[in-house]
Amino acid sequence: QKQKVWWKCLIGGASKWKHGMVLLKQAGDVIIEAAIIDRTTEAFTIELRWDDPDASFAEVLQKAGAIPLPPYLHRDVEEDDKERYQTIYAREQGSVAAPTAGLHFTKRLFEKLQTRKIGHGFVTLHVGAGTFKPVKAEKMEHHDMHAEWMDVSLDLIEELSANMDGIVAVGTTSLRTIESLYWMGVKIERANGRIQKDALFVRQWDPYEIEPGIPGKDALRSLADWMKAQQMERLVTKTQIIIAPGYQLKLAKGLVTNFHQPQSTLLLLVAAITGNDWRKIYDYSMNNDFRFLSYGDGCLLWNK
């Protein structure tokens, strides 16, 4: 978009920004104006305008923004962060943050995996605010999970279907993505293939309310066949799935992830995979000074 946009934003120190006040920022040769249009308990709707009619909003962001480093690093962005806080296989722009489990993977590591006949496939993840939103409700069922975009190729879905015995997700968002593929396949199967794309959207509690009924391989095959019938090479959609204790993984056998903080949906996900052992794992990591969060240590968790 050019000249102006409306975006939902998270704002720190918002009490200082009074309604009707327009903020200005000089970003290179562009002047940006920002005004509050609406506010809710969770976000603000902000109108952003800029004085270069030829510049897209993406170009303005590149001039005005900074790499969204986690605040707990307590330092300013450095030039090296453009590479360090990004996976080596990243291609598309648009995510709120890097999928941090992928930061552990280097070209050399991929080569080592290949020598052991361990292949890899890629999905496009647009990590959203839901990944970071803390669980503030006393009970999990009162937590509202934000939906996140996913982009998965038909080729990968067929590859997963052919290799059901050894699927390991790299990162919690990748896990949520491939588990969502299963439930989309279930929906297609239940509708005998007569279903619109919008109806594939996996809502937060769908996995706990819909009877699975079919093996993972069949669900992926149904999804692949439906995509072929729709002449789709890529599935671009949203998922709101929450993986928490009580959920049984349908496709993945394991997860590569970092250590997560308390009161997060990510820790709920870890507890779903490991059962009560999550406490032993986290006690051990705390007692041995493991590093948590984005630049922290990684671990491999097998589905219990």
C-alpha atoms as a PDB file:
ATOM      1  CA  GLN A   1       0.000   0.000   0.000  1.00  0.00           C
ATOM      2  CA  LYS A   2       1.066   3.571  -0.607  1.00  0.00           C
ATOM      3  CA  GLN A   3       0.512   6.908   1.137  1.00  0.00           C
ATOM      4  CA  LYS A   4      -1.472   5.519   4.106  1.00  0.00           C
ATOM      5  CA  VAL A   5      -2.345   2.286   5.953  1.00  0.00           C
ATOM      6  CA  TRP A   6      -4.337   1.174   8.991  1.00  0.00           C
ATOM      7  CA  TRP A   7      -2.610  -1.415  11.177  1.00  0.00           C
ATOM      8  CA  LYS A   8      -3.358  -3.122  14.474  1.00  0.00           C
ATOM      9  CA  CYS A   9      -0.379  -2.361  16.720  1.00  0.00           C
ATOM     10  CA  LEU A  10       1.008  -3.172  20.135  1.00  0.00           C
ATOM     11  CA  ILE A  11       2.245   0.032  21.779  1.00  0.00           C
ATOM     12  CA  GLY A  12       4.495   0.482  24.787  1.00  0.00           C
ATOM     13  CA  GLY A  13       3.876   3.489  27.038  1.00  0.00           C
ATOM     14  CA  ALA A  14       0.564   4.151  25.271  1.00  0.00           C
ATOM     15  CA  SER A  15      -0.784   6.253  28.147  1.00  0.00           C
ATOM     16  CA  LYS A  16       1.486   9.096  26.989  1.00  0.00           C
ATOM     17  CA  TRP A  17      -0.182   9.124  23.571  1.00  0.00           C
ATOM     18  CA  LYS A  18      -3.403  11.074  23.934  1.00  0.00           C
ATOM     19  CA  HIS A  19      -6.266  10.602  21.489  1.00  0.00           C
ATOM     20  CA  GLY A  20      -6.080  13.157  18.690  1.00  0.00           C
ATOM     21  CA  MET A  21      -2.313  13.580  19.029  1.00  0.00           C
ATOM     22  CA  VAL A  22      -0.414  12.997  15.777  1.00  0.00           C
ATOM     23  CA  LEU A  23       3.143  11.695  16.070  1.00  0.00           C
ATOM     24  CA  LEU A  24       5.823  12.486  13.485  1.00  0.00           C
ATOM     25  CA  LYS A  25       8.979  10.567  12.629  1.00  0.00           C
ATOM     26  CA  GLN A  26      11.705  11.410  10.148  1.00  0.00           C
ATOM     27  CA  ALA A  27      12.944   8.212   8.467  1.00  0.00           C
ATOM     28  CA  GLY A  28      15.632   9.083   5.962  1.00  0.00           C
ATOM     29  CA  ASP A  29      13.964  11.330   3.416  1.00  0.00           C
ATOM     30  CA  VAL A  30      10.430  10.315   4.455  1.00  0.00           C
ATOM     31  CA  ILE A  31       8.220  11.922   7.116  1.00  0.00           C
ATOM     32  CA  ILE A  32       5.755   9.525   8.751  1.00  0.00           C
ATOM     33  CA  GLU A  33       2.597  10.557  10.646  1.00  0.00           C
ATOM     34  CA  ALA A  34       0.836   8.268  13.112  1.00  0.00           C
ATOM     35  CA  ALA A  35      -2.597   8.745  14.683  1.00  0.00           C
ATOM     36  CA  ILE A  36      -4.753   6.518  16.892  1.00  0.00           C
ATOM     37  CA  ILE A  37      -8.003   5.480  15.193  1.00  0.00           C
ATOM     38  CA  ASP A  38      -9.280   2.975  17.747  1.00  0.00           C
ATOM     39  CA  ARG A  39      -8.135   1.055  20.793  1.00  0.00           C
ATOM     40  CA  THR A  40      -9.154  -2.215  22.434  1.00  0.00           C
ATOM     41  CA  THR A  41      -7.873  -3.977  25.537  1.00  0.00           C
ATOM     42  CA  GLU A  42      -5.262  -5.793  23.429  1.00  0.00           C
ATOM     43  CA  ALA A  43      -4.265  -3.534  20.531  1.00  0.00           C
ATOM     44  CA  PHE A  44      -4.534  -0.149  18.838  1.00  0.00           C
ATOM     45  CA  THR A  45      -5.674   0.630  15.318  1.00  0.00           C
ATOM     46  CA  ILE A  46      -3.169   3.139  13.986  1.00  0.00           C
ATOM     47  CA  GLU A  47      -3.312   5.199  10.798  1.00  0.00           C
ATOM     48  CA  LEU A  48       0.120   5.740   9.291  1.00  0.00           C
ATOM     49  CA  ARG A  49       0.743   8.283   6.522  1.00  0.00           C
ATOM     50  CA  TRP A  50       3.930   9.264   4.721  1.00  0.00           C
ATOM     51  CA  ASP A  51       4.859  12.029   2.312  1.00  0.00           C
ATOM     52  CA  ASP A  52       6.532   9.983  -0.443  1.00  0.00           C
ATOM     53  CA  PRO A  53       3.730   8.978  -2.864  1.00  0.00           C
ATOM     54  CA  ASP A  54       5.944   6.411  -4.605  1.00  0.00           C
ATOM     55  CA  ALA A  55       7.092   4.555  -1.480  1.00  0.00           C
ATOM     56  CA  SER A  56       5.248   1.402  -0.400  1.00  0.00           C
ATOM     57  CA  PHE A  57       4.589   0.726   3.273  1.00  0.00           C
ATOM     58  CA  ALA A  58       7.146  -2.114   3.155  1.00  0.00           C
ATOM     59  CA  GLU A  59       9.793   0.352   1.950  1.00  0.00           C
ATOM     60  CA  VAL A  60       8.835   2.837   4.673  1.00  0.00           C
ATOM     61  CA  LEU A  61       9.161   0.124   7.322  1.00  0.00           C
ATOM     62  CA  GLN A  62      12.667  -0.694   6.109  1.00  0.00           C
ATOM     63  CA  LYS A  63      13.661   2.947   6.611  1.00  0.00           C
ATOM     64  CA  ALA A  64      11.885   3.585   9.901  1.00  0.00           C
ATOM     65  CA  GLY A  65      11.979   0.225  11.637  1.00  0.00           C
ATOM     66  CA  ALA A  66      14.534  -1.949  13.387  1.00  0.00           C
ATOM     67  CA  ILE A  67      15.004  -5.697  13.722  1.00  0.00           C
ATOM     68  CA  PRO A  68      12.453  -6.724  16.416  1.00  0.00           C
ATOM     69  CA  LEU A  69      14.920  -8.101  18.924  1.00  0.00           C
ATOM     70  CA  PRO A  70      13.362  -9.574  22.073  1.00  0.00           C
ATOM     71  CA  PRO A  71      13.264  -6.875  24.785  1.00  0.00           C
ATOM     72  CA  TYR A  72      14.980  -9.116  27.348  1.00  0.00           C
ATOM     73  CA  LEU A  73      18.262  -8.774  25.431  1.00  0.00           C
ATOM     74  CA  HIS A  74      18.470  -5.211  26.813  1.00  0.00           C
ATOM     75  CA  ARG A  75      20.538  -3.811  23.947  1.00  0.00           C
ATOM     76  CA  ASP A  76      20.113  -1.841  20.757  1.00  0.00           C
ATOM     77  CA  VAL A  77      19.974  -3.503  17.355  1.00  0.00           C
ATOM     78  CA  GLU A  78      23.347  -4.140  15.748  1.00  0.00           C
ATOM     79  CA  GLU A  79      24.083  -4.521  12.043  1.00  0.00           C
ATOM     80  CA  ASP A  80      24.937  -8.201  12.545  1.00  0.00           C
ATOM     81  CA  ASP A  81      21.410  -8.868  13.836  1.00  0.00           C
ATOM     82  CA  LYS A  82      20.098  -8.758  10.266  1.00  0.00           C
ATOM     83  CA  GLU A  83      21.826 -12.107   9.807  1.00  0.00           C
ATOM     84  CA  ARG A  84      22.073 -13.435  13.364  1.00  0.00           C
ATOM     85  CA  TYR A  85      18.390 -12.973  14.215  1.00  0.00           C
ATOM     86  CA  GLN A  86      17.245 -14.793  11.094  1.00  0.00           C
ATOM     87  CA  THR A  87      17.301 -18.362   9.840  1.00  0.00           C
ATOM     88  CA  ILE A  88      19.679 -19.152   6.978  1.00  0.00           C
ATOM     89  CA  TYR A  89      16.743 -20.386   4.890  1.00  0.00           C
ATOM     90  CA  ALA A  90      14.404 -17.403   5.346  1.00  0.00           C
ATOM     91  CA  ARG A  91      12.924 -16.014   2.124  1.00  0.00           C
ATOM     92  CA  GLU A  92       9.660 -14.121   2.651  1.00  0.00           C
ATOM     93  CA  GLN A  93       9.088 -10.935   4.642  1.00  0.00           C
ATOM     94  CA  GLY A  94       6.156 -10.391   6.972  1.00  0.00           C
ATOM     95  CA  SER A  95       6.761 -12.211  10.256  1.00  0.00           C
ATOM     96  CA  VAL A  96       6.697 -10.476  13.639  1.00  0.00           C
ATOM     97  CA  ALA A  97       9.827 -12.395  14.655  1.00  0.00           C
ATOM     98  CA  ALA A  98      12.214 -15.073  13.493  1.00  0.00           C
ATOM     99  CA  PRO A  99      11.152 -18.686  14.205  1.00  0.00           C
ATOM    100  CA  THR A 100      13.899 -19.046  16.771  1.00  0.00           C
ATOM    101  CA  ALA A 101      14.286 -22.844  16.817  1.00  0.00           C
ATOM    102  CA  GLY A 102      15.525 -22.480  13.246  1.00  0.00           C
ATOM    103  CA  LEU A 103      18.388 -20.240  14.381  1.00  0.00           C
ATOM    104  CA  HIS A 104      20.233 -23.385  15.506  1.00  0.00           C
ATOM    105  CA  PHE A 105      20.495 -24.692  11.943  1.00  0.00           C
ATOM    106  CA  THR A 106      23.564 -23.877   9.871  1.00  0.00           C
ATOM    107  CA  LYS A 107      24.677 -24.978   6.428  1.00  0.00           C
ATOM    108  CA  ARG A 108      27.156 -27.352   8.048  1.00  0.00           C
ATOM    109  CA  LEU A 109      24.436 -28.896  10.220  1.00  0.00           C
ATOM    110  CA  PHE A 110      22.191 -29.452   7.201  1.00  0.00           C
ATOM    111  CA  GLU A 111      25.081 -31.235   5.485  1.00  0.00           C
ATOM    112  CA  LYS A 112      25.561 -33.487   8.521  1.00  0.00           C
ATOM    113  CA  LEU A 113      21.850 -34.324   8.580  1.00  0.00           C
ATOM    114  CA  GLN A 114      21.982 -35.187   4.894  1.00  0.00           C
ATOM    115  CA  THR A 115      24.844 -37.657   5.426  1.00  0.00           C
ATOM    116  CA  ARG A 116      22.565 -39.427   7.921  1.00  0.00           C
ATOM    117  CA  LYS A 117      19.726 -39.554   5.372  1.00  0.00           C
ATOM    118  CA  ILE A 118      17.686 -36.978   7.319  1.00  0.00           C
ATOM    119  CA  GLY A 119      15.884 -34.761   4.830  1.00  0.00           C
ATOM    120  CA  HIS A 120      14.106 -31.471   5.379  1.00  0.00           C
ATOM    121  CA  GLY A 121      11.172 -29.535   3.953  1.00  0.00           C
ATOM    122  CA  PHE A 122      10.150 -25.909   4.372  1.00  0.00           C
ATOM    123  CA  VAL A 123       6.959 -24.094   5.311  1.00  0.00           C
ATOM    124  CA  THR A 124       6.439 -20.343   5.329  1.00  0.00           C
ATOM    125  CA  LEU A 125       5.466 -19.050   8.774  1.00  0.00           C
ATOM    126  CA  HIS A 126       4.256 -15.559   9.559  1.00  0.00           C
ATOM    127  CA  VAL A 127       4.705 -15.636  13.322  1.00  0.00           C
ATOM    128  CA  GLY A 128       2.150 -13.370  14.956  1.00  0.00           C
ATOM    129  CA  ALA A 129       1.475 -11.812  18.328  1.00  0.00           C
ATOM    130  CA  GLY A 130      -0.303 -14.970  19.477  1.00  0.00           C
ATOM    131  CA  THR A 131       3.030 -16.747  19.851  1.00  0.00           C
ATOM    132  CA  PHE A 132       4.132 -14.214  22.464  1.00  0.00           C
ATOM    133  CA  LYS A 133       0.847 -13.383  24.157  1.00  0.00           C
ATOM    134  CA  PRO A 134       1.063 -14.589  27.788  1.00  0.00           C
ATOM    135  CA  VAL A 135      -1.652 -16.744  29.306  1.00  0.00           C
ATOM    136  CA  LYS A 136      -3.248 -14.397  31.815  1.00  0.00           C
ATOM    137  CA  ALA A 137      -6.489 -16.318  32.358  1.00  0.00           C
ATOM    138  CA  GLU A 138      -6.711 -18.592  35.400  1.00  0.00           C
ATOM    139  CA  LYS A 139      -7.974 -21.430  33.196  1.00  0.00           C
ATOM    140  CA  MET A 140      -6.596 -22.331  29.789  1.00  0.00           C
ATOM    141  CA  GLU A 141     -10.047 -22.425  28.172  1.00  0.00           C
ATOM    142  CA  HIS A 142     -10.414 -18.674  28.796  1.00  0.00           C
ATOM    143  CA  HIS A 143      -7.260 -17.847  26.806  1.00  0.00           C
ATOM    144  CA  ASP A 144      -7.916 -16.475  23.318  1.00  0.00           C
ATOM    145  CA  MET A 145      -5.308 -17.802  20.872  1.00  0.00           C
ATOM    146  CA  HIS A 146      -4.433 -15.472  17.997  1.00  0.00           C
ATOM    147  CA  ALA A 147      -4.543 -16.930  14.497  1.00  0.00           C
ATOM    148  CA  GLU A 148      -1.326 -17.044  12.452  1.00  0.00           C
ATOM    149  CA  TRP A 149      -0.726 -17.343   8.717  1.00  0.00           C
ATOM    150  CA  MET A 150       0.805 -20.459   7.180  1.00  0.00           C
ATOM    151  CA  ASP A 151       1.913 -21.253   3.628  1.00  0.00           C
ATOM    152  CA  VAL A 152       2.507 -24.925   2.752  1.00  0.00           C
ATOM    153  CA  SER A 153       3.223 -26.438  -0.655  1.00  0.00           C
ATOM    154  CA  LEU A 154       1.386 -29.435  -2.114  1.00  0.00           C
ATOM    155  CA  ASP A 155       4.768 -31.103  -2.645  1.00  0.00           C
ATOM    156  CA  LEU A 156       5.570 -30.910   1.072  1.00  0.00           C
ATOM    157  CA  ILE A 157       2.161 -32.304   2.069  1.00  0.00           C
ATOM    158  CA  GLU A 158       2.746 -35.293  -0.212  1.00  0.00           C
ATOM    159  CA  GLU A 159       6.290 -35.695   1.138  1.00  0.00           C
ATOM    160  CA  LEU A 160       4.999 -35.735   4.726  1.00  0.00           C
ATOM    161  CA  SER A 161       2.395 -38.318   3.745  1.00  0.00           C
ATOM    162  CA  ALA A 162       5.151 -40.574   2.385  1.00  0.00           C
ATOM    163  CA  ASN A 163       7.353 -40.223   5.500  1.00  0.00           C
ATOM    164  CA  MET A 164       4.969 -40.543   8.430  1.00  0.00           C
ATOM    165  CA  ASP A 165       7.392 -42.430  10.680  1.00  0.00           C
ATOM    166  CA  GLY A 166       9.943 -39.696  11.282  1.00  0.00           C
ATOM    167  CA  ILE A 167       8.426 -36.205  11.184  1.00  0.00           C
ATOM    168  CA  VAL A 168      10.193 -33.786  13.540  1.00  0.00           C
ATOM    169  CA  ALA A 169       9.023 -30.171  13.639  1.00  0.00           C
ATOM    170  CA  VAL A 170      11.587 -27.397  14.036  1.00  0.00           C
ATOM    171  CA  GLY A 171       9.875 -24.819  16.218  1.00  0.00           C
ATOM    172  CA  THR A 172       6.491 -24.560  17.874  1.00  0.00           C
ATOM    173  CA  THR A 173       4.926 -22.645  14.974  1.00  0.00           C
ATOM    174  CA  SER A 174       6.058 -25.331  12.528  1.00  0.00           C
ATOM    175  CA  LEU A 175       4.492 -27.921  14.823  1.00  0.00           C
ATOM    176  CA  ARG A 176       1.206 -26.016  14.976  1.00  0.00           C
ATOM    177  CA  THR A 177       1.297 -25.720  11.193  1.00  0.00           C
ATOM    178  CA  ILE A 178       1.769 -29.392  10.371  1.00  0.00           C
ATOM    179  CA  GLU A 179      -0.686 -30.487  13.067  1.00  0.00           C
ATOM    180  CA  SER A 180      -3.211 -28.083  11.528  1.00  0.00           C
ATOM    181  CA  LEU A 181      -2.741 -29.885   8.183  1.00  0.00           C
ATOM    182  CA  TYR A 182      -4.096 -33.021   9.841  1.00  0.00           C
ATOM    183  CA  TRP A 183      -7.274 -31.312  11.033  1.00  0.00           C
ATOM    184  CA  MET A 184      -7.804 -29.713   7.630  1.00  0.00           C
ATOM    185  CA  GLY A 185      -7.626 -33.180   6.111  1.00  0.00           C
ATOM    186  CA  VAL A 186     -10.157 -34.434   8.667  1.00  0.00           C
ATOM    187  CA  LYS A 187     -12.553 -31.622   7.746  1.00  0.00           C
ATOM    188  CA  ILE A 188     -12.213 -32.464   4.043  1.00  0.00           C
ATOM    189  CA  GLU A 189     -12.810 -36.163   4.743  1.00  0.00           C
ATOM    190  CA  ARG A 190     -15.928 -35.435   6.815  1.00  0.00           C
ATOM    191  CA  ALA A 191     -17.287 -33.228   4.026  1.00  0.00           C
ATOM    192  CA  ASN A 192     -16.490 -35.822   1.343  1.00  0.00           C
ATOM    193  CA  GLY A 193     -14.263 -33.266  -0.352  1.00  0.00           C
ATOM    194  CA  ARG A 194     -17.052 -30.709  -0.766  1.00  0.00           C
ATOM    195  CA  ILE A 195     -15.681 -27.901   1.352  1.00  0.00           C
ATOM    196  CA  GLN A 196     -14.661 -24.303   0.766  1.00  0.00           C
ATOM    197  CA  LYS A 197     -11.189 -23.057   1.622  1.00  0.00           C
ATOM    198  CA  ASP A 198     -12.488 -20.743   4.381  1.00  0.00           C
ATOM    199  CA  ALA A 199     -13.990 -23.755   6.170  1.00  0.00           C
ATOM    200  CA  LEU A 200     -10.527 -25.337   6.504  1.00  0.00           C
ATOM    201  CA  PHE A 201      -9.561 -22.724   9.109  1.00  0.00           C
ATOM    202  CA  VAL A 202      -8.596 -24.591  12.295  1.00  0.00           C
ATOM    203  CA  ARG A 203     -10.181 -22.883  15.274  1.00  0.00           C
ATOM    204  CA  GLN A 204      -8.636 -22.931  18.708  1.00  0.00           C
ATOM    205  CA  TRP A 205     -10.683 -25.778  20.132  1.00  0.00           C
ATOM    206  CA  ASP A 206     -11.408 -27.789  16.950  1.00  0.00           C
ATOM    207  CA  PRO A 207      -8.907 -30.551  17.841  1.00  0.00           C
ATOM    208  CA  TYR A 208     -10.659 -31.092  21.165  1.00  0.00           C
ATOM    209  CA  GLU A 209     -14.189 -31.075  19.742  1.00  0.00           C
ATOM    210  CA  ILE A 210     -13.837 -32.855  16.379  1.00  0.00           C
ATOM    211  CA  GLU A 211     -13.515 -36.632  16.367  1.00  0.00           C
ATOM    212  CA  PRO A 212     -10.211 -37.453  14.576  1.00  0.00           C
ATOM    213  CA  GLY A 213     -11.381 -40.719  13.078  1.00  0.00           C
ATOM    214  CA  ILE A 214      -8.653 -41.187  10.445  1.00  0.00           C
ATOM    215  CA  PRO A 215      -4.881 -41.837  10.465  1.00  0.00           C
ATOM    216  CA  GLY A 216      -2.488 -38.992   9.691  1.00  0.00           C
ATOM    217  CA  LYS A 217      -1.525 -40.442   6.311  1.00  0.00           C
ATOM    218  CA  ASP A 218      -5.173 -40.503   5.190  1.00  0.00           C
ATOM    219  CA  ALA A 219      -5.758 -36.940   6.386  1.00  0.00           C
ATOM    220  CA  LEU A 220      -2.768 -35.672   4.407  1.00  0.00           C
ATOM    221  CA  ARG A 221      -3.869 -37.629   1.348  1.00  0.00           C
ATOM    222  CA  SER A 222      -7.367 -36.109   1.557  1.00  0.00           C
ATOM    223  CA  LEU A 223      -5.859 -32.642   1.831  1.00  0.00           C
ATOM    224  CA  ALA A 224      -3.511 -33.241  -1.121  1.00  0.00           C
ATOM    225  CA  ASP A 225      -6.339 -34.629  -3.283  1.00  0.00           C
ATOM    226  CA  TRP A 226      -8.556 -31.649  -2.424  1.00  0.00           C
ATOM    227  CA  MET A 227      -5.771 -29.212  -3.348  1.00  0.00           C
ATOM    228  CA  LYS A 228      -5.291 -30.951  -6.700  1.00  0.00           C
ATOM    229  CA  ALA A 229      -9.031 -30.751  -7.361  1.00  0.00           C
ATOM    230  CA  GLN A 230      -8.849 -27.019  -6.603  1.00  0.00           C
ATOM    231  CA  GLN A 231      -5.715 -26.711  -8.798  1.00  0.00           C
ATOM    232  CA  MET A 232      -3.755 -25.371  -5.814  1.00  0.00           C
ATOM    233  CA  GLU A 233       0.017 -25.722  -5.593  1.00  0.00           C
ATOM    234  CA  ARG A 234       0.183 -23.925  -2.240  1.00  0.00           C
ATOM    235  CA  LEU A 235      -2.139 -23.773   0.753  1.00  0.00           C
ATOM    236  CA  VAL A 236      -2.163 -20.267   2.247  1.00  0.00           C
ATOM    237  CA  THR A 237      -4.464 -20.030   5.227  1.00  0.00           C
ATOM    238  CA  LYS A 238      -4.664 -19.333   8.963  1.00  0.00           C
ATOM    239  CA  THR A 239      -4.646 -21.571  11.997  1.00  0.00           C
ATOM    240  CA  GLN A 240      -5.729 -20.796  15.554  1.00  0.00           C
ATOM    241  CA  ILE A 241      -4.860 -24.231  16.948  1.00  0.00           C
ATOM    242  CA  ILE A 242      -3.705 -24.416  20.555  1.00  0.00           C
ATOM    243  CA  ILE A 243      -1.672 -27.455  21.572  1.00  0.00           C
ATOM    244  CA  ALA A 244      -1.947 -28.076  25.293  1.00  0.00           C
ATOM    245  CA  PRO A 245      -2.032 -31.013  27.752  1.00  0.00           C
ATOM    246  CA  GLY A 246      -4.645 -33.488  26.567  1.00  0.00           C
ATOM    247  CA  TYR A 247      -3.724 -33.052  22.914  1.00  0.00           C
ATOM    248  CA  GLN A 248      -2.173 -36.039  21.123  1.00  0.00           C
ATOM    249  CA  LEU A 249       0.159 -35.242  18.213  1.00  0.00           C
ATOM    250  CA  LYS A 250      -1.239 -36.564  14.932  1.00  0.00           C
ATOM    251  CA  LEU A 251       1.708 -36.137  12.563  1.00  0.00           C
ATOM    252  CA  ALA A 252       4.866 -35.083  14.400  1.00  0.00           C
ATOM    253  CA  LYS A 253       6.991 -37.516  16.374  1.00  0.00           C
ATOM    254  CA  GLY A 254       9.195 -34.870  17.948  1.00  0.00           C
ATOM    255  CA  LEU A 255      10.011 -31.198  18.284  1.00  0.00           C
ATOM    256  CA  VAL A 256      13.174 -29.100  18.182  1.00  0.00           C
ATOM    257  CA  THR A 257      12.582 -26.000  20.269  1.00  0.00           C
ATOM    258  CA  ASN A 258      14.128 -23.552  22.726  1.00  0.00           C
ATOM    259  CA  PHE A 259      13.282 -23.253  26.410  1.00  0.00           C
ATOM    260  CA  HIS A 260      10.158 -21.180  26.977  1.00  0.00           C
ATOM    261  CA  GLN A 261       8.971 -18.932  29.731  1.00  0.00           C
ATOM    262  CA  PRO A 262       6.230 -19.657  32.286  1.00  0.00           C
ATOM    263  CA  GLN A 263       2.615 -18.646  31.602  1.00  0.00           C
ATOM    264  CA  SER A 264       3.025 -19.094  27.847  1.00  0.00           C
ATOM    265  CA  THR A 265       1.133 -21.193  25.301  1.00  0.00           C
ATOM    266  CA  LEU A 266       4.533 -22.504  24.209  1.00  0.00           C
ATOM    267  CA  LEU A 267       5.121 -24.107  27.596  1.00  0.00           C
ATOM    268  CA  LEU A 268       1.616 -25.618  27.383  1.00  0.00           C
ATOM    269  CA  LEU A 269       2.686 -27.132  24.058  1.00  0.00           C
ATOM    270  CA  VAL A 270       5.833 -28.619  25.600  1.00  0.00           C
ATOM    271  CA  ALA A 271       3.736 -30.084  28.424  1.00  0.00           C
ATOM    272  CA  ALA A 272       1.401 -31.670  25.858  1.00  0.00           C
ATOM    273  CA  ILE A 273       4.347 -33.485  24.249  1.00  0.00           C
ATOM    274  CA  THR A 274       6.324 -34.514  27.340  1.00  0.00           C
ATOM    275  CA  GLY A 275       3.579 -34.937  29.936  1.00  0.00           C
ATOM    276  CA  ASN A 276       4.634 -34.259  33.529  1.00  0.00           C
ATOM    277  CA  ASP A 277       8.283 -34.675  32.491  1.00  0.00           C
ATOM    278  CA  TRP A 278       8.313 -31.030  31.410  1.00  0.00           C
ATOM    279  CA  ARG A 279       8.972 -30.106  35.060  1.00  0.00           C
ATOM    280  CA  LYS A 280      12.030 -32.370  35.252  1.00  0.00           C
ATOM    281  CA  ILE A 281      13.357 -30.964  31.973  1.00  0.00           C
ATOM    282  CA  TYR A 282      12.916 -27.363  33.062  1.00  0.00           C
ATOM    283  CA  ASP A 283      14.266 -27.968  36.583  1.00  0.00           C
ATOM    284  CA  TYR A 284      17.376 -29.510  35.032  1.00  0.00           C
ATOM    285  CA  SER A 285      17.799 -26.582  32.642  1.00  0.00           C
ATOM    286  CA  MET A 286      17.454 -24.064  35.480  1.00  0.00           C
ATOM    287  CA  ASN A 287      19.915 -25.921  37.723  1.00  0.00           C
ATOM    288  CA  ASN A 288      22.469 -26.124  34.911  1.00  0.00           C
ATOM    289  CA  ASP A 289      22.244 -22.526  33.719  1.00  0.00           C
ATOM    290  CA  PHE A 290      20.727 -23.300  30.335  1.00  0.00           C
ATOM    291  CA  ARG A 291      19.888 -20.220  28.310  1.00  0.00           C
ATOM    292  CA  PHE A 292      16.204 -19.563  27.704  1.00  0.00           C
ATOM    293  CA  LEU A 293      14.246 -17.926  24.852  1.00  0.00           C
ATOM    294  CA  SER A 294      15.365 -16.605  21.465  1.00  0.00           C
ATOM    295  CA  TYR A 295      19.162 -16.845  21.621  1.00  0.00           C
ATOM    296  CA  GLY A 296      18.990 -19.682  24.107  1.00  0.00           C
ATOM    297  CA  ASP A 297      19.788 -23.379  24.037  1.00  0.00           C
ATOM    298  CA  GLY A 298      17.804 -25.783  21.915  1.00  0.00           C
ATOM    299  CA  CYS A 299      16.399 -29.161  22.870  1.00  0.00           C
ATOM    300  CA  LEU A 300      14.883 -32.166  21.105  1.00  0.00           C
ATOM    301  CA  LEU A 301      11.639 -33.397  22.623  1.00  0.00           C
ATOM    302  CA  TRP A 302      10.109 -36.743  21.617  1.00  0.00           C
ATOM    303  CA  ASN A 303       6.375 -37.263  21.790  1.00  0.00           C
ATOM    304  CA  LYS A 304       5.653 -39.264  24.938  1.00  0.00           C
END
